[in-house]
């Protein structure tokens, strides 16, 4: 992910269902990837088409370490 970002990947790319990369990192329960995305400006309060935010996904996927991290970052 870091390499992609270094080469211009958009950390806030909006894909299907209005989801951004941070949502997919949360679905994989990958705190390291979430941290990289946030450090590079990922929108931690983005709302998808189902009106869910990254913190909603973290709780739904039982990724409490990610939920706590997002809260620390202002989500």
Protein backbone atom coordinates (compact mmCIF):
# COMPACT_ATOMS: atom_id res chain seq x y z
CA UNK A 1 0.00 0.00 0.00
CA UNK A 2 2.84 2.38 0.82
CA UNK A 3 4.38 1.76 -2.59
CA UNK A 4 1.08 2.47 -4.32
CA UNK A 5 0.67 5.69 -2.36
CA UNK A 6 4.25 6.72 -3.21
CA UNK A 7 3.34 6.30 -6.87
CA UNK A 8 0.21 8.42 -6.66
CA UNK A 9 -2.58 6.09 -5.54
CA UNK A 10 -5.55 8.01 -4.18
CA UNK A 11 -6.20 6.99 -0.55
CA UNK A 12 -9.70 8.42 -0.91
CA UNK A 13 -10.67 6.70 -4.16
CA UNK A 14 -14.39 6.05 -4.13
CA UNK A 15 -15.37 2.63 -5.41
CA UNK A 16 -18.53 0.54 -5.48
CA UNK A 17 -21.18 1.45 -2.93
CA UNK A 18 -19.30 4.71 -2.30
CA UNK A 19 -16.67 2.80 -0.29
CA UNK A 20 -13.12 4.06 0.08
CA UNK A 21 -9.90 2.04 0.60
CA UNK A 22 -10.09 2.38 4.38
CA UNK A 23 -13.34 0.38 4.34
CA UNK A 24 -11.65 -2.52 2.56
CA UNK A 25 -8.72 -2.42 4.99
CA UNK A 26 -11.18 -2.57 7.88
CA UNK A 27 -13.05 -5.49 6.30
CA UNK A 28 -9.70 -7.34 6.26
CA UNK A 29 -9.10 -6.29 9.89
CA UNK A 30 -5.77 -4.74 8.93
CA UNK A 31 -4.84 -2.08 11.46
CA UNK A 32 -1.40 -1.54 9.83
CA UNK A 33 -3.03 -0.71 6.48
CA UNK A 34 -5.64 1.50 8.16
CA UNK A 35 -2.82 3.41 9.87
CA UNK A 36 -0.97 3.91 6.58
CA UNK A 37 -4.12 5.18 4.90
CA UNK A 38 -4.94 7.55 7.76
CA UNK A 39 -1.36 8.85 7.88
CA UNK A 40 -1.73 9.71 4.19
CA UNK A 41 -5.02 11.55 4.56
CA UNK A 42 -7.74 8.91 4.32
CA UNK A 43 -11.17 10.28 5.21
CA UNK A 44 -11.99 8.65 8.54
CA UNK A 45 -15.54 10.00 8.62
CA UNK A 46 -16.53 9.27 5.02
CA UNK A 47 -20.12 8.04 4.67
CA UNK A 48 -20.89 5.37 2.08
CA UNK A 49 -24.19 4.90 0.25
CA UNK A 50 -25.57 2.82 3.13
CA UNK A 51 -24.78 5.70 5.53
CA UNK A 52 -21.97 3.79 7.24
CA UNK A 53 -18.64 5.30 8.28
CA UNK A 54 -15.32 3.51 8.83
CA UNK A 55 -16.05 3.25 12.54
CA UNK A 56 -19.36 1.51 11.77
CA UNK A 57 -17.47 -1.03 9.66
CA UNK A 58 -14.89 -1.54 12.39
CA UNK A 59 -17.58 -2.34 14.95
CA UNK A 60 -19.56 -4.52 12.50
CA UNK A 61 -16.42 -6.52 11.73
CA UNK A 62 -15.41 -6.78 15.40
CA UNK A 63 -12.22 -4.83 14.68
CA UNK A 64 -12.17 -3.06 18.01
CA UNK A 65 -8.49 -2.16 17.78
CA UNK A 66 -9.28 -0.31 14.55
CA UNK A 67 -12.34 1.32 16.12
CA UNK A 68 -10.23 2.56 19.03
CA UNK A 69 -7.56 3.85 16.64
CA UNK A 70 -10.17 5.73 14.59
CA UNK A 71 -11.61 7.27 17.75
CA UNK A 72 -8.11 8.40 18.76
CA UNK A 73 -7.81 10.05 15.34
CA UNK A 74 -11.08 11.93 15.70
CA UNK A 75 -13.70 9.66 14.15
